[in-house]
Amino acid sequence: KPGGTLLYATCSILKAENEFQIADFLYSHDDASEIKIDLDWGMKTVIGRQQLPNAEFDGFYYALITKNNKKNVENRNS
């Protein structure tokens, strides 16, 4: 529904399973956009954030997206 959010998360460090999936999704869904995640945890990537494996964590990726309302989509496309 418009205004809804989705957190996409994987336990992978592969761009093909992470950033590329979100980029493809955003490209094919005009009514969706990324919500930037401003946290100190992990490192910023082009889309989302990535935690590389270390002594405390396995690899992890997450991205937050939202479904825009129709009015926002029309304004974005003009």
Foldseek 3Di string as FASTA:
>chain_A
DAFDKDKDKDLDPDCVNAVVVVVVVCVVALQKDWDDDDDPAADDDPFFGWDDDDPVGGTMTITMMGGHDPVVSVVVVD
